[in-house]
Amino acid sequence: RFDLREIPESSGIVKSRRYPDVFWVHNDSGNSATLFAVDRRGR
């Protein structure tokens, strides 16, 4: 599960091809312009 205080409306995800086991996630509109690096468990 995500920390919903930080990622309440996850809208997109892609896996890094450079950094092992890293995924990039962002929120939908109405949230800050922030990219989150997360692992497979959403941490």
PDB file of all heavy atoms in Angstrom:
ATOM      1  N   ARG A   1       0.834  -1.194   0.000  1.00  0.00           N
ATOM      2  CA  ARG A   1       0.000   0.000   0.000  1.00  0.00           C
ATOM      3  C   ARG A   1       0.870   1.244   0.000  1.00  0.00           C
ATOM      4  O   ARG A   1       1.956   1.262   0.572  1.00  0.00           O
ATOM      5  CB  ARG A   1      -0.906   0.015   1.241  1.00  0.00           C
ATOM      6  CG  ARG A   1      -1.875  -1.157   1.336  1.00  0.00           C
ATOM      7  CD  ARG A   1      -2.895  -1.124   0.226  1.00  0.00           C
ATOM      8  NE  ARG A   1      -3.766   0.041   0.276  1.00  0.00           N
ATOM      9  CZ  ARG A   1      -4.969   0.067   0.862  1.00  0.00           C
ATOM     10  NH1 ARG A   1      -5.421  -1.009   1.468  1.00  0.00           N
ATOM     11  NH2 ARG A   1      -5.692   1.168   0.854  1.00  0.00           N
ATOM     12  N   PHE A   2       0.353   2.297  -0.638  1.00  0.00           N
ATOM     13  CA  PHE A   2       1.038   3.584  -0.600  1.00  0.00           C
ATOM     14  C   PHE A   2       0.750   4.292   0.717  1.00  0.00           C
ATOM     15  O   PHE A   2      -0.259   4.032   1.378  1.00  0.00           O
ATOM     16  CB  PHE A   2       0.553   4.483  -1.738  1.00  0.00           C
ATOM     17  CG  PHE A   2       1.025   4.072  -3.100  1.00  0.00           C
ATOM     18  CD1 PHE A   2       0.136   4.014  -4.167  1.00  0.00           C
ATOM     19  CD2 PHE A   2       2.356   3.771  -3.344  1.00  0.00           C
ATOM     20  CE1 PHE A   2       0.557   3.654  -5.433  1.00  0.00           C
ATOM     21  CE2 PHE A   2       2.794   3.412  -4.611  1.00  0.00           C
ATOM     22  CZ  PHE A   2       1.880   3.351  -5.652  1.00  0.00           C
ATOM     23  N   ASP A   3       1.652   5.202   1.064  1.00  0.00           N
ATOM     24  CA  ASP A   3       1.358   6.177   2.104  1.00  0.00           C
ATOM     25  C   ASP A   3       0.414   7.193   1.468  1.00  0.00           C
ATOM     26  O   ASP A   3       0.832   8.029   0.660  1.00  0.00           O
ATOM     27  CB  ASP A   3       2.654   6.845   2.566  1.00  0.00           C
ATOM     28  CG  ASP A   3       2.423   7.909   3.637  1.00  0.00           C
ATOM     29  OD1 ASP A   3       1.263   8.306   3.863  1.00  0.00           O
ATOM     30  OD2 ASP A   3       3.418   8.357   4.247  1.00  0.00           O
ATOM     31  N   LEU A   4      -0.867   7.107   1.813  1.00  0.00           N
ATOM     32  CA  LEU A   4      -1.874   7.915   1.137  1.00  0.00           C
ATOM     33  C   LEU A   4      -1.762   9.400   1.459  1.00  0.00           C
ATOM     34  O   LEU A   4      -2.379  10.226   0.784  1.00  0.00           O
ATOM     35  CB  LEU A   4      -3.275   7.403   1.463  1.00  0.00           C
ATOM     36  CG  LEU A   4      -3.570   5.978   0.987  1.00  0.00           C
ATOM     37  CD1 LEU A   4      -5.008   5.594   1.309  1.00  0.00           C
ATOM     38  CD2 LEU A   4      -3.312   5.834  -0.509  1.00  0.00           C
ATOM     39  N   ARG A   5      -0.972   9.744   2.456  1.00  0.00           N
ATOM     40  CA  ARG A   5      -0.724  11.168   2.688  1.00  0.00           C
ATOM     41  C   ARG A   5       0.162  11.731   1.583  1.00  0.00           C
ATOM     42  O   ARG A   5       0.080  12.919   1.261  1.00  0.00           O
ATOM     43  CB  ARG A   5      -0.050  11.365   4.054  1.00  0.00           C
ATOM     44  CG  ARG A   5      -0.913  10.968   5.248  1.00  0.00           C
ATOM     45  CD  ARG A   5      -0.083  10.900   6.506  1.00  0.00           C
ATOM     46  NE  ARG A   5       0.967   9.887   6.403  1.00  0.00           N
ATOM     47  CZ  ARG A   5       1.833   9.605   7.365  1.00  0.00           C
ATOM     48  NH1 ARG A   5       1.799  10.273   8.509  1.00  0.00           N
ATOM     49  NH2 ARG A   5       2.750   8.666   7.206  1.00  0.00           N
ATOM     50  N   GLU A   6       1.015  10.895   1.000  1.00  0.00           N
ATOM     51  CA  GLU A   6       1.927  11.316  -0.055  1.00  0.00           C
ATOM     52  C   GLU A   6       1.399  10.973  -1.451  1.00  0.00           C
ATOM     53  O   GLU A   6       1.540  11.760  -2.395  1.00  0.00           O
ATOM     54  CB  GLU A   6       3.299  10.662   0.145  1.00  0.00           C
ATOM     55  CG  GLU A   6       4.019  11.072   1.412  1.00  0.00           C
ATOM     56  CD  GLU A   6       4.821  12.357   1.219  1.00  0.00           C
ATOM     57  OE1 GLU A   6       4.622  13.045   0.208  1.00  0.00           O
ATOM     58  OE2 GLU A   6       5.653  12.654   2.094  1.00  0.00           O
ATOM     59  N   ILE A   7       0.841   9.777  -1.593  1.00  0.00           N
ATOM     60  CA  ILE A   7       0.385   9.300  -2.902  1.00  0.00           C
ATOM     61  C   ILE A   7      -1.079   8.871  -2.784  1.00  0.00           C
ATOM     62  O   ILE A   7      -1.398   7.677  -2.747  1.00  0.00           O
ATOM     63  CB  ILE A   7       1.258   8.129  -3.410  1.00  0.00           C
ATOM     64  CG1 ILE A   7       2.747   8.478  -3.305  1.00  0.00           C
ATOM     65  CG2 ILE A   7       0.902   7.796  -4.859  1.00  0.00           C
ATOM     66  CD1 ILE A   7       3.682   7.349  -3.701  1.00  0.00           C
ATOM     67  N   PRO A   8      -2.007   9.837  -2.707  1.00  0.00           N
ATOM     68  CA  PRO A   8      -3.416   9.485  -2.562  1.00  0.00           C
ATOM     69  C   PRO A   8      -4.091   9.119  -3.880  1.00  0.00           C
ATOM     70  O   PRO A   8      -5.086   8.390  -3.896  1.00  0.00           O
ATOM     71  CB  PRO A   8      -4.030  10.761  -1.980  1.00  0.00           C
ATOM     72  CG  PRO A   8      -3.167  11.856  -2.530  1.00  0.00           C
ATOM     73  CD  PRO A   8      -1.777  11.285  -2.604  1.00  0.00           C
ATOM     74  N   GLU A   9      -3.564   9.646  -5.007  1.00  0.00           N
ATOM     75  CA  GLU A   9      -4.212   9.438  -6.302  1.00  0.00           C
ATOM     76  C   GLU A   9      -3.178   9.050  -7.351  1.00  0.00           C
ATOM     77  O   GLU A   9      -2.965   9.759  -8.322  1.00  0.00           O
ATOM     78  CB  GLU A   9      -4.947  10.704  -6.733  1.00  0.00           C
ATOM     79  CG  GLU A   9      -6.104  11.101  -5.835  1.00  0.00           C
ATOM     80  CD  GLU A   9      -6.810  12.329  -6.368  1.00  0.00           C
ATOM     81  OE1 GLU A   9      -6.306  13.444  -6.161  1.00  0.00           O
ATOM     82  OE2 GLU A   9      -7.863  12.151  -7.010  1.00  0.00           O
ATOM     83  N   SER A  10      -2.544   7.905  -7.135  1.00  0.00           N
ATOM     84  CA  SER A  10      -1.542   7.449  -8.099  1.00  0.00           C
ATOM     85  C   SER A  10      -2.178   7.324  -9.474  1.00  0.00           C
ATOM     86  O   SER A  10      -3.241   6.736  -9.636  1.00  0.00           O
ATOM     87  CB  SER A  10      -0.946   6.118  -7.653  1.00  0.00           C
ATOM     88  OG  SER A  10      -1.967   5.169  -7.424  1.00  0.00           O
ATOM     89  N   SER A  11      -1.499   7.881 -10.477  1.00  0.00           N
ATOM     90  CA  SER A  11      -2.104   7.944 -11.800  1.00  0.00           C
ATOM     91  C   SER A  11      -1.240   7.328 -12.889  1.00  0.00           C
ATOM     92  O   SER A  11      -1.731   7.045 -13.968  1.00  0.00           O
ATOM     93  CB  SER A  11      -2.398   9.410 -12.153  1.00  0.00           C
ATOM     94  OG  SER A  11      -3.109   9.512 -13.354  1.00  0.00           O
ATOM     95  N   GLY A  12       0.053   7.141 -12.625  1.00  0.00           N
ATOM     96  CA  GLY A  12       0.930   6.551 -13.623  1.00  0.00           C
ATOM     97  C   GLY A  12       2.118   5.888 -12.962  1.00  0.00           C
ATOM     98  O   GLY A  12       2.517   6.252 -11.851  1.00  0.00           O
ATOM     99  N   ILE A  13       2.687   4.900 -13.656  1.00  0.00           N
ATOM    100  CA  ILE A  13       3.853   4.187 -13.134  1.00  0.00           C
ATOM    101  C   ILE A  13       4.698   3.707 -14.296  1.00  0.00           C
ATOM    102  O   ILE A  13       4.188   3.349 -15.365  1.00  0.00           O
ATOM    103  CB  ILE A  13       3.431   2.990 -12.249  1.00  0.00           C
ATOM    104  CG1 ILE A  13       4.668   2.279 -11.668  1.00  0.00           C
ATOM    105  CG2 ILE A  13       2.538   2.017 -13.001  1.00  0.00           C
ATOM    106  CD1 ILE A  13       4.342   1.211 -10.641  1.00  0.00           C
ATOM    107  N   VAL A  14       6.028   3.718 -14.113  1.00  0.00           N
ATOM    108  CA  VAL A  14       6.946   3.112 -15.058  1.00  0.00           C
ATOM    109  C   VAL A  14       8.155   2.628 -14.281  1.00  0.00           C
ATOM    110  O   VAL A  14       8.520   3.206 -13.247  1.00  0.00           O
ATOM    111  CB  VAL A  14       7.354   4.116 -16.166  1.00  0.00           C
ATOM    112  CG1 VAL A  14       8.351   5.149 -15.648  1.00  0.00           C
ATOM    113  CG2 VAL A  14       7.901   3.407 -17.385  1.00  0.00           C
ATOM    114  N   LYS A  15       8.777   1.546 -14.763  1.00  0.00           N
ATOM    115  CA  LYS A  15       9.953   1.010 -14.094  1.00  0.00           C
ATOM    116  C   LYS A  15      11.213   1.658 -14.644  1.00  0.00           C
ATOM    117  O   LYS A  15      11.349   1.860 -15.860  1.00  0.00           O
ATOM    118  CB  LYS A  15      10.050  -0.502 -14.278  1.00  0.00           C
ATOM    119  CG  LYS A  15      11.173  -1.125 -13.450  1.00  0.00           C
ATOM    120  CD  LYS A  15      11.245  -2.628 -13.618  1.00  0.00           C
ATOM    121  CE  LYS A  15      12.344  -3.213 -12.726  1.00  0.00           C
ATOM    122  NZ  LYS A  15      12.499  -4.668 -12.914  1.00  0.00           N
ATOM    123  N   SER A  16      12.139   1.993 -13.764  1.00  0.00           N
ATOM    124  CA  SER A  16      13.430   2.517 -14.189  1.00  0.00           C
ATOM    125  C   SER A  16      14.194   1.436 -14.946  1.00  0.00           C
ATOM    126  O   SER A  16      14.143   0.257 -14.608  1.00  0.00           O
ATOM    127  CB  SER A  16      14.244   2.963 -12.970  1.00  0.00           C
ATOM    128  OG  SER A  16      15.550   3.349 -13.364  1.00  0.00           O
ATOM    129  N   ARG A  17      14.922   1.848 -15.964  1.00  0.00           N
ATOM    130  CA  ARG A  17      15.800   0.937 -16.688  1.00  0.00           C
ATOM    131  C   ARG A  17      17.250   1.123 -16.271  1.00  0.00           C
ATOM    132  O   ARG A  17      18.131   0.423 -16.759  1.00  0.00           O
ATOM    133  CB  ARG A  17      15.651   1.147 -18.203  1.00  0.00           C
ATOM    134  CG  ARG A  17      14.252   0.810 -18.698  1.00  0.00           C
ATOM    135  CD  ARG A  17      14.114   1.025 -20.182  1.00  0.00           C
ATOM    136  NE  ARG A  17      12.736   0.810 -20.613  1.00  0.00           N
ATOM    137  CZ  ARG A  17      12.285   1.036 -21.842  1.00  0.00           C
ATOM    138  NH1 ARG A  17      13.130   1.489 -22.761  1.00  0.00           N
ATOM    139  NH2 ARG A  17      11.016   0.831 -22.147  1.00  0.00           N
ATOM    140  N   ARG A  18      17.481   2.061 -15.389  1.00  0.00           N
ATOM    141  CA  ARG A  18      18.833   2.365 -14.928  1.00  0.00           C
ATOM    142  C   ARG A  18      19.058   1.920 -13.493  1.00  0.00           C
ATOM    143  O   ARG A  18      20.141   1.443 -13.150  1.00  0.00           O
ATOM    144  CB  ARG A  18      19.087   3.867 -15.050  1.00  0.00           C
ATOM    145  CG  ARG A  18      20.419   4.328 -14.508  1.00  0.00           C
ATOM    146  CD  ARG A  18      20.624   5.817 -14.750  1.00  0.00           C
ATOM    147  NE  ARG A  18      20.762   6.123 -16.173  1.00  0.00           N
ATOM    148  CZ  ARG A  18      20.914   7.343 -16.653  1.00  0.00           C
ATOM    149  NH1 ARG A  18      20.916   8.387 -15.841  1.00  0.00           N
ATOM    150  NH2 ARG A  18      21.061   7.545 -17.946  1.00  0.00           N
ATOM    151  N   TYR A  19      18.046   2.070 -12.628  1.00  0.00           N
ATOM    152  CA  TYR A  19      18.178   1.779 -11.207  1.00  0.00           C
ATOM    153  C   TYR A  19      17.334   0.544 -10.870  1.00  0.00           C
ATOM    154  O   TYR A  19      16.118   0.559 -11.034  1.00  0.00           O
ATOM    155  CB  TYR A  19      17.734   2.987 -10.377  1.00  0.00           C
ATOM    156  CG  TYR A  19      18.515   4.235 -10.716  1.00  0.00           C
ATOM    157  CD1 TYR A  19      17.944   5.248 -11.496  1.00  0.00           C
ATOM    158  CD2 TYR A  19      19.825   4.403 -10.285  1.00  0.00           C
ATOM    159  CE1 TYR A  19      18.661   6.386 -11.821  1.00  0.00           C
ATOM    160  CE2 TYR A  19      20.564   5.538 -10.614  1.00  0.00           C
ATOM    161  CZ  TYR A  19      19.962   6.525 -11.390  1.00  0.00           C
ATOM    162  OH  TYR A  19      20.680   7.645 -11.717  1.00  0.00           O
ATOM    163  N   PRO A  20      17.971  -0.524 -10.406  1.00  0.00           N
ATOM    164  CA  PRO A  20      17.263  -1.774 -10.155  1.00  0.00           C
ATOM    165  C   PRO A  20      16.138  -1.614  -9.126  1.00  0.00           C
ATOM    166  O   PRO A  20      16.304  -0.925  -8.114  1.00  0.00           O
ATOM    167  CB  PRO A  20      18.356  -2.720  -9.634  1.00  0.00           C
ATOM    168  CG  PRO A  20      19.638  -2.136 -10.130  1.00  0.00           C
ATOM    169  CD  PRO A  20      19.428  -0.652 -10.141  1.00  0.00           C
ATOM    170  N   ASP A  21      15.018  -2.253  -9.419  1.00  0.00           N
ATOM    171  CA  ASP A  21      13.891  -2.358  -8.487  1.00  0.00           C
ATOM    172  C   ASP A  21      13.322  -0.998  -8.092  1.00  0.00           C
ATOM    173  O   ASP A  21      12.780  -0.838  -6.994  1.00  0.00           O
ATOM    174  CB  ASP A  21      14.300  -3.138  -7.236  1.00  0.00           C
ATOM    175  CG  ASP A  21      14.858  -4.511  -7.573  1.00  0.00           C
ATOM    176  OD1 ASP A  21      14.345  -5.137  -8.515  1.00  0.00           O
ATOM    177  OD2 ASP A  21      15.823  -4.944  -6.916  1.00  0.00           O
ATOM    178  N   VAL A  22      13.422  -0.021  -8.980  1.00  0.00           N
ATOM    179  CA  VAL A  22      12.871   1.313  -8.738  1.00  0.00           C
ATOM    180  C   VAL A  22      11.766   1.573  -9.751  1.00  0.00           C
ATOM    181  O   VAL A  22      11.934   1.311 -10.948  1.00  0.00           O
ATOM    182  CB  VAL A  22      13.953   2.411  -8.848  1.00  0.00           C
ATOM    183  CG1 VAL A  22      13.323   3.810  -8.827  1.00  0.00           C
ATOM    184  CG2 VAL A  22      14.962   2.270  -7.719  1.00  0.00           C
ATOM    185  N   PHE A  23      10.649   2.100  -9.250  1.00  0.00           N
ATOM    186  CA  PHE A  23       9.536   2.499 -10.095  1.00  0.00           C
ATOM    187  C   PHE A  23       9.251   3.980  -9.857  1.00  0.00           C
ATOM    188  O   PHE A  23       9.400   4.475  -8.735  1.00  0.00           O
ATOM    189  CB  PHE A  23       8.279   1.679  -9.778  1.00  0.00           C
ATOM    190  CG  PHE A  23       8.429   0.214 -10.050  1.00  0.00           C
ATOM    191  CD1 PHE A  23       9.049  -0.621  -9.130  1.00  0.00           C
ATOM    192  CD2 PHE A  23       7.949  -0.342 -11.230  1.00  0.00           C
ATOM    193  CE1 PHE A  23       9.202  -1.977  -9.381  1.00  0.00           C
ATOM    194  CE2 PHE A  23       8.097  -1.698 -11.491  1.00  0.00           C
ATOM    195  CZ  PHE A  23       8.725  -2.518 -10.558  1.00  0.00           C
ATOM    196  N   TRP A  24       8.819   4.663 -10.917  1.00  0.00           N
ATOM    197  CA  TRP A  24       8.458   6.071 -10.812  1.00  0.00           C
ATOM    198  C   TRP A  24       6.943   6.213 -10.852  1.00  0.00           C
ATOM    199  O   TRP A  24       6.281   5.660 -11.735  1.00  0.00           O
ATOM    200  CB  TRP A  24       9.109   6.875 -11.935  1.00  0.00           C
ATOM    201  CG  TRP A  24      10.601   6.894 -11.831  1.00  0.00           C
ATOM    202  CD1 TRP A  24      11.490   6.147 -12.561  1.00  0.00           C
ATOM    203  CD2 TRP A  24      11.380   7.680 -10.918  1.00  0.00           C
ATOM    204  NE1 TRP A  24      12.778   6.421 -12.163  1.00  0.00           N
ATOM    205  CE2 TRP A  24      12.742   7.358 -11.158  1.00  0.00           C
ATOM    206  CE3 TRP A  24      11.071   8.621  -9.935  1.00  0.00           C
ATOM    207  CZ2 TRP A  24      13.784   7.947 -10.443  1.00  0.00           C
ATOM    208  CZ3 TRP A  24      12.108   9.207  -9.226  1.00  0.00           C
ATOM    209  CH2 TRP A  24      13.434   8.877  -9.477  1.00  0.00           C
ATOM    210  N   VAL A  25       6.414   6.956  -9.882  1.00  0.00           N
ATOM    211  CA  VAL A  25       4.968   7.112  -9.708  1.00  0.00           C
ATOM    212  C   VAL A  25       4.658   8.592  -9.522  1.00  0.00           C
ATOM    213  O   VAL A  25       5.476   9.349  -8.991  1.00  0.00           O
ATOM    214  CB  VAL A  25       4.478   6.304  -8.477  1.00  0.00           C
ATOM    215  CG1 VAL A  25       3.015   6.559  -8.190  1.00  0.00           C
ATOM    216  CG2 VAL A  25       4.717   4.816  -8.694  1.00  0.00           C
ATOM    217  N   HIS A  26       3.483   8.997  -9.944  1.00  0.00           N
ATOM    218  CA  HIS A  26       3.036  10.369  -9.704  1.00  0.00           C
ATOM    219  C   HIS A  26       1.547  10.374  -9.387  1.00  0.00           C
ATOM    220  O   HIS A  26       0.824   9.409  -9.665  1.00  0.00           O
ATOM    221  CB  HIS A  26       3.310  11.262 -10.916  1.00  0.00           C
ATOM    222  CG  HIS A  26       2.604  10.811 -12.170  1.00  0.00           C
ATOM    223  ND1 HIS A  26       1.282  11.091 -12.429  1.00  0.00           N
ATOM    224  CD2 HIS A  26       3.045  10.086 -13.219  1.00  0.00           C
ATOM    225  CE1 HIS A  26       0.937  10.570 -13.589  1.00  0.00           C
ATOM    226  NE2 HIS A  26       1.993   9.943 -14.084  1.00  0.00           N
ATOM    227  N   ASN A  27       1.084  11.477  -8.826  1.00  0.00           N
ATOM    228  CA  ASN A  27      -0.332  11.671  -8.534  1.00  0.00           C
ATOM    229  C   ASN A  27      -1.041  12.329  -9.720  1.00  0.00           C
ATOM    230  O   ASN A  27      -0.421  12.895 -10.618  1.00  0.00           O
ATOM    231  CB  ASN A  27      -0.503  12.554  -7.298  1.00  0.00           C
ATOM    232  CG  ASN A  27      -0.255  11.811  -6.012  1.00  0.00           C
ATOM    233  OD1 ASN A  27      -0.858  10.774  -5.736  1.00  0.00           O
ATOM    234  ND2 ASN A  27       0.658  12.336  -5.188  1.00  0.00           N
ATOM    235  N   ASP A  28      -2.364  12.301  -9.651  1.00  0.00           N
ATOM    236  CA  ASP A  28      -3.236  12.941 -10.632  1.00  0.00           C
ATOM    237  C   ASP A  28      -3.300  14.440 -10.343  1.00  0.00           C
ATOM    238  O   ASP A  28      -2.663  14.948  -9.418  1.00  0.00           O
ATOM    239  CB  ASP A  28      -4.622  12.294 -10.540  1.00  0.00           C
ATOM    240  CG  ASP A  28      -5.429  12.460 -11.816  1.00  0.00           C
ATOM    241  OD1 ASP A  28      -5.075  13.330 -12.636  1.00  0.00           O
ATOM    242  OD2 ASP A  28      -6.423  11.740 -11.979  1.00  0.00           O
ATOM    243  N   SER A  29      -4.109  15.142 -11.132  1.00  0.00           N
ATOM    244  CA  SER A  29      -4.288  16.585 -10.957  1.00  0.00           C
ATOM    245  C   SER A  29      -4.839  16.890  -9.575  1.00  0.00           C
ATOM    246  O   SER A  29      -5.457  16.048  -8.926  1.00  0.00           O
ATOM    247  CB  SER A  29      -5.242  17.134 -12.016  1.00  0.00           C
ATOM    248  OG  SER A  29      -6.498  16.489 -11.928  1.00  0.00           O
ATOM    249  N   GLY A  30      -4.598  18.120  -9.123  1.00  0.00           N
ATOM    250  CA  GLY A  30      -5.010  18.511  -7.786  1.00  0.00           C
ATOM    251  C   GLY A  30      -3.974  18.201  -6.732  1.00  0.00           C
ATOM    252  O   GLY A  30      -4.173  18.497  -5.554  1.00  0.00           O
ATOM    253  N   ASN A  31      -2.865  17.606  -7.148  1.00  0.00           N
ATOM    254  CA  ASN A  31      -1.765  17.277  -6.241  1.00  0.00           C
ATOM    255  C   ASN A  31      -0.497  17.998  -6.702  1.00  0.00           C
ATOM    256  O   ASN A  31      -0.455  18.595  -7.775  1.00  0.00           O
ATOM    257  CB  ASN A  31      -1.538  15.765  -6.209  1.00  0.00           C
ATOM    258  CG  ASN A  31      -2.717  15.012  -5.626  1.00  0.00           C
ATOM    259  OD1 ASN A  31      -2.872  14.927  -4.419  1.00  0.00           O
ATOM    260  ND2 ASN A  31      -3.572  14.479  -6.491  1.00  0.00           N
ATOM    261  N   SER A  32       0.543  17.920  -5.888  1.00  0.00           N
ATOM    262  CA  SER A  32       1.777  18.617  -6.206  1.00  0.00           C
ATOM    263  C   SER A  32       2.465  17.999  -7.420  1.00  0.00           C
ATOM    264  O   SER A  32       2.231  16.839  -7.771  1.00  0.00           O
ATOM    265  CB  SER A  32       2.725  18.576  -5.002  1.00  0.00           C
ATOM    266  OG  SER A  32       3.098  17.234  -4.726  1.00  0.00           O
ATOM    267  N   ALA A  33       3.321  18.799  -8.058  1.00  0.00           N
ATOM    268  CA  ALA A  33       4.101  18.345  -9.212  1.00  0.00           C
ATOM    269  C   ALA A  33       5.328  17.601  -8.697  1.00  0.00           C
ATOM    270  O   ALA A  33       6.438  18.139  -8.650  1.00  0.00           O
ATOM    271  CB  ALA A  33       4.495  19.533 -10.073  1.00  0.00           C
ATOM    272  N   THR A  34       5.120  16.342  -8.313  1.00  0.00           N
ATOM    273  CA  THR A  34       6.164  15.553  -7.654  1.00  0.00           C
ATOM    274  C   THR A  34       6.245  14.171  -8.266  1.00  0.00           C
ATOM    275  O   THR A  34       5.215  13.537  -8.547  1.00  0.00           O
ATOM    276  CB  THR A  34       5.866  15.417  -6.148  1.00  0.00           C
ATOM    277  OG1 THR A  34       5.719  16.707  -5.576  1.00  0.00           O
ATOM    278  CG2 THR A  34       6.975  14.672  -5.432  1.00  0.00           C
ATOM    279  N   LEU A  35       7.481  13.697  -8.487  1.00  0.00           N
ATOM    280  CA  LEU A  35       7.717  12.306  -8.866  1.00  0.00           C
ATOM    281  C   LEU A  35       8.224  11.546  -7.650  1.00  0.00           C
ATOM    282  O   LEU A  35       9.088  12.039  -6.911  1.00  0.00           O
ATOM    283  CB  LEU A  35       8.762  12.211  -9.975  1.00  0.00           C
ATOM    284  CG  LEU A  35       8.316  12.467 -11.409  1.00  0.00           C
ATOM    285  CD1 LEU A  35       9.471  12.177 -12.358  1.00  0.00           C
ATOM    286  CD2 LEU A  35       7.115  11.630 -11.784  1.00  0.00           C
ATOM    287  N   PHE A  36       7.695  10.332  -7.466  1.00  0.00           N
ATOM    288  CA  PHE A  36       8.089   9.491  -6.347  1.00  0.00           C
ATOM    289  C   PHE A  36       8.820   8.264  -6.878  1.00  0.00           C
ATOM    290  O   PHE A  36       8.339   7.591  -7.799  1.00  0.00           O
ATOM    291  CB  PHE A  36       6.868   9.026  -5.559  1.00  0.00           C
ATOM    292  CG  PHE A  36       6.085  10.141  -4.928  1.00  0.00           C
ATOM    293  CD1 PHE A  36       5.074  10.788  -5.635  1.00  0.00           C
ATOM    294  CD2 PHE A  36       6.350  10.562  -3.629  1.00  0.00           C
ATOM    295  CE1 PHE A  36       4.346  11.821  -5.059  1.00  0.00           C
ATOM    296  CE2 PHE A  36       5.633  11.594  -3.047  1.00  0.00           C
ATOM    297  CZ  PHE A  36       4.631  12.226  -3.768  1.00  0.00           C
ATOM    298  N   ALA A  37       9.984   7.977  -6.295  1.00  0.00           N
ATOM    299  CA  ALA A  37      10.654   6.710  -6.529  1.00  0.00           C
ATOM    300  C   ALA A  37      10.154   5.730  -5.465  1.00  0.00           C
ATOM    301  O   ALA A  37      10.257   6.016  -4.270  1.00  0.00           O
ATOM    302  CB  ALA A  37      12.168   6.865  -6.432  1.00  0.00           C
ATOM    303  N   VAL A  38       9.581   4.605  -5.903  1.00  0.00           N
ATOM    304  CA  VAL A  38       9.036   3.626  -4.969  1.00  0.00           C
ATOM    305  C   VAL A  38       9.570   2.249  -5.314  1.00  0.00           C
ATOM    306  O   VAL A  38      10.077   2.006  -6.415  1.00  0.00           O
ATOM    307  CB  VAL A  38       7.485   3.609  -4.994  1.00  0.00           C
ATOM    308  CG1 VAL A  38       6.915   4.995  -4.700  1.00  0.00           C
ATOM    309  CG2 VAL A  38       6.960   3.087  -6.328  1.00  0.00           C
ATOM    310  N   ASP A  39       9.454   1.324  -4.353  1.00  0.00           N
ATOM    311  CA  ASP A  39       9.805  -0.061  -4.633  1.00  0.00           C
ATOM    312  C   ASP A  39       8.538  -0.841  -4.974  1.00  0.00           C
ATOM    313  O   ASP A  39       7.445  -0.272  -5.084  1.00  0.00           O
ATOM    314  CB  ASP A  39      10.576  -0.686  -3.466  1.00  0.00           C
ATOM    315  CG  ASP A  39       9.742  -0.791  -2.180  1.00  0.00           C
ATOM    316  OD1 ASP A  39       8.499  -0.616  -2.228  1.00  0.00           O
ATOM    317  OD2 ASP A  39      10.346  -1.058  -1.117  1.00  0.00           O
ATOM    318  N   ARG A  40       8.666  -2.165  -5.143  1.00  0.00           N
ATOM    319  CA  ARG A  40       7.519  -2.979  -5.554  1.00  0.00           C
ATOM    320  C   ARG A  40       6.398  -2.993  -4.527  1.00  0.00           C
ATOM    321  O   ARG A  40       5.265  -3.338  -4.858  1.00  0.00           O
ATOM    322  CB  ARG A  40       7.967  -4.418  -5.816  1.00  0.00           C
ATOM    323  CG  ARG A  40       8.675  -4.618  -7.131  1.00  0.00           C
ATOM    324  CD  ARG A  40       9.014  -6.077  -7.366  1.00  0.00           C
ATOM    325  NE  ARG A  40       9.841  -6.233  -8.556  1.00  0.00           N
ATOM    326  CZ  ARG A  40      11.143  -6.038  -8.581  1.00  0.00           C
ATOM    327  NH1 ARG A  40      11.772  -5.690  -7.464  1.00  0.00           N
ATOM    328  NH2 ARG A  40      11.821  -6.187  -9.701  1.00  0.00           N
ATOM    329  N   ARG A  41       6.706  -2.685  -3.299  1.00  0.00           N
ATOM    330  CA  ARG A  41       5.675  -2.683  -2.258  1.00  0.00           C
ATOM    331  C   ARG A  41       5.081  -1.293  -2.029  1.00  0.00           C
ATOM    332  O   ARG A  41       4.328  -1.087  -1.096  1.00  0.00           O
ATOM    333  CB  ARG A  41       6.246  -3.253  -0.961  1.00  0.00           C
ATOM    334  CG  ARG A  41       6.713  -4.693  -1.112  1.00  0.00           C
ATOM    335  CD  ARG A  41       6.988  -5.363   0.211  1.00  0.00           C
ATOM    336  NE  ARG A  41       7.401  -6.737   0.014  1.00  0.00           N
ATOM    337  CZ  ARG A  41       6.581  -7.762  -0.198  1.00  0.00           C
ATOM    338  NH1 ARG A  41       5.285  -7.544  -0.270  1.00  0.00           N
ATOM    339  NH2 ARG A  41       7.040  -8.993  -0.357  1.00  0.00           N
ATOM    340  N   GLY A  42       5.463  -0.370  -2.886  1.00  0.00           N
ATOM    341  CA  GLY A  42       4.903   0.967  -2.785  1.00  0.00           C
ATOM    342  C   GLY A  42       5.580   1.861  -1.772  1.00  0.00           C
ATOM    343  O   GLY A  42       5.115   2.982  -1.528  1.00  0.00           O
ATOM    344  N   ARG A  43       6.683   1.395  -1.177  1.00  0.00           N
ATOM    345  CA  ARG A  43       7.393   2.210  -0.189  1.00  0.00           C
ATOM    346  C   ARG A  43       8.185   3.296  -0.893  1.00  0.00           C
ATOM    347  O   ARG A  43       8.900   3.030  -1.853  1.00  0.00           O
ATOM    348  CB  ARG A  43       8.307   1.331   0.657  1.00  0.00           C
ATOM    349  CG  ARG A  43       7.541   0.331   1.524  1.00  0.00           C
ATOM    350  CD  ARG A  43       8.454  -0.641   2.228  1.00  0.00           C
ATOM    351  NE  ARG A  43       9.166  -1.509   1.291  1.00  0.00           N
ATOM    352  CZ  ARG A  43       9.752  -2.641   1.632  1.00  0.00           C
ATOM    353  NH1 ARG A  43       9.712  -3.047   2.896  1.00  0.00           N
ATOM    354  NH2 ARG A  43      10.391  -3.374   0.734  1.00  0.00           N
TER     355      ARG A  43
END
